[in-house]
């Protein structure tokens, strides 16, 4: 199998895990809304970091950018010790864009 086929297979495998990723991010966002803790915000930041890197590596640039932008925002707010921005309206809006890109990439 040549390198191009291997990369295409990896991209396809990543693509097929999209629903799993969406469910995991939704669960973390719901947890953040309930506990409103820096620890929960940091959990979301870690997941965004992973998705930003992986999606970018496989050429899913828009999804990577959404995840990276959220990671940067979370990092800033955690550093400021203020996660009040991450309310229900904000997280629902984020989830909408994240889910849309996850389904359409």
Protein backbone atom coordinates (compact mmCIF):
# COMPACT_ATOMS: atom_id res chain seq x y z
CA UNK A 1 0.00 0.00 0.00
CA UNK A 2 1.47 3.38 -0.92
CA UNK A 3 1.64 6.49 1.28
CA UNK A 4 -1.32 8.19 -0.42
CA UNK A 5 -3.59 5.21 0.23
CA UNK A 6 -2.44 5.00 3.85
CA UNK A 7 -3.22 8.69 4.39
CA UNK A 8 -6.62 8.32 2.73
CA UNK A 9 -7.40 5.33 4.96
CA UNK A 10 -6.41 7.32 8.06
CA UNK A 11 -8.56 10.26 6.95
CA UNK A 12 -11.49 7.92 6.42
CA UNK A 13 -11.01 6.35 9.86
CA UNK A 14 -10.89 9.83 11.44
CA UNK A 15 -14.01 10.84 9.51
CA UNK A 16 -15.92 7.81 10.78
CA UNK A 17 -15.25 8.76 14.41
CA UNK A 18 -17.04 12.11 14.03
CA UNK A 19 -20.16 11.10 15.93
CA UNK A 20 -18.06 9.80 18.81
CA UNK A 21 -16.18 13.13 18.94
CA UNK A 22 -19.39 15.17 18.87
CA UNK A 23 -20.90 13.10 21.71
CA UNK A 24 -17.73 13.46 23.81
CA UNK A 25 -17.57 17.24 23.32
CA UNK A 26 -21.30 17.61 24.05
CA UNK A 27 -20.91 15.63 27.27
CA UNK A 28 -17.95 17.77 28.39
CA UNK A 29 -19.89 20.98 27.62
CA UNK A 30 -22.89 19.74 29.58
CA UNK A 31 -20.60 18.87 32.50
CA UNK A 32 -19.03 22.35 32.35
CA UNK A 33 -22.48 23.95 32.51
CA UNK A 34 -23.37 21.94 35.63
CA UNK A 35 -20.15 22.18 37.64
CA UNK A 36 -18.86 25.52 36.33
CA UNK A 37 -15.31 24.64 37.31
CA UNK A 38 -11.87 25.43 35.94
CA UNK A 39 -11.19 21.70 35.89
CA UNK A 40 -14.15 21.08 33.55
CA UNK A 41 -13.07 24.00 31.36
CA UNK A 42 -9.58 22.52 31.22
CA UNK A 43 -11.03 19.14 30.18
CA UNK A 44 -12.76 20.85 27.26
CA UNK A 45 -9.55 22.70 26.38
CA UNK A 46 -7.63 19.40 26.24
CA UNK A 47 -10.21 17.85 23.91
CA UNK A 48 -10.16 20.93 21.68
CA UNK A 49 -6.37 20.69 21.50
CA UNK A 50 -6.55 17.07 20.37
CA UNK A 51 -9.23 17.73 17.78
CA UNK A 52 -7.48 20.85 16.45
CA UNK A 53 -4.28 18.91 15.88
CA UNK A 54 -5.82 15.74 14.50
CA UNK A 55 -8.34 17.46 12.24
CA UNK A 56 -5.63 19.73 10.88
CA UNK A 57 -3.31 16.79 10.24
CA UNK A 58 -5.97 15.12 8.10
CA UNK A 59 -6.84 18.27 6.16
CA UNK A 60 -10.09 19.16 7.92
CA UNK A 61 -9.02 22.78 8.28
CA UNK A 62 -12.31 24.42 9.27
CA UNK A 63 -12.94 21.93 12.06
CA UNK A 64 -9.35 22.36 13.20
CA UNK A 65 -9.77 26.15 13.30
CA UNK A 66 -13.00 25.98 15.31
CA UNK A 67 -11.36 23.67 17.83
CA UNK A 68 -8.17 25.76 18.00
CA UNK A 69 -10.11 29.02 18.47
CA UNK A 70 -12.06 27.44 21.32
CA UNK A 71 -8.86 26.06 22.84
CA UNK A 72 -7.26 29.52 22.80
CA UNK A 73 -10.35 31.12 24.33
CA UNK A 74 -10.55 28.48 27.05
CA UNK A 75 -6.85 28.87 27.81
CA UNK A 76 -7.24 32.65 28.18
CA UNK A 77 -10.30 32.41 30.42
CA UNK A 78 -8.75 29.69 32.58
CA UNK A 79 -5.65 31.83 33.02
CA UNK A 80 -7.91 34.73 34.08
CA UNK A 81 -9.74 32.37 36.45
CA UNK A 82 -13.02 33.40 34.79
CA UNK A 83 -15.15 30.88 32.95
CA UNK A 84 -18.38 32.88 33.19
CA UNK A 85 -18.28 33.36 29.40
CA UNK A 86 -19.03 29.67 28.94
CA UNK A 87 -22.74 29.88 29.68
CA UNK A 88 -25.50 27.82 28.09
CA UNK A 89 -26.05 30.19 25.16
CA UNK A 90 -22.34 30.38 24.33
CA UNK A 91 -21.78 26.62 24.58
CA UNK A 92 -24.91 25.85 22.54
CA UNK A 93 -23.68 28.18 19.80
CA UNK A 94 -20.25 26.55 19.90
CA UNK A 95 -21.77 23.05 19.78
CA UNK A 96 -23.90 24.02 16.80
CA UNK A 97 -20.86 25.12 14.78
CA UNK A 98 -18.74 22.23 16.00
CA UNK A 99 -21.40 19.65 15.16
CA UNK A 100 -22.10 21.20 11.77
CA UNK A 101 -18.43 21.10 10.81
CA UNK A 102 -18.03 17.59 12.22
CA UNK A 103 -20.89 16.33 10.07
CA UNK A 104 -19.96 18.24 6.92
CA UNK A 105 -16.20 17.86 6.81
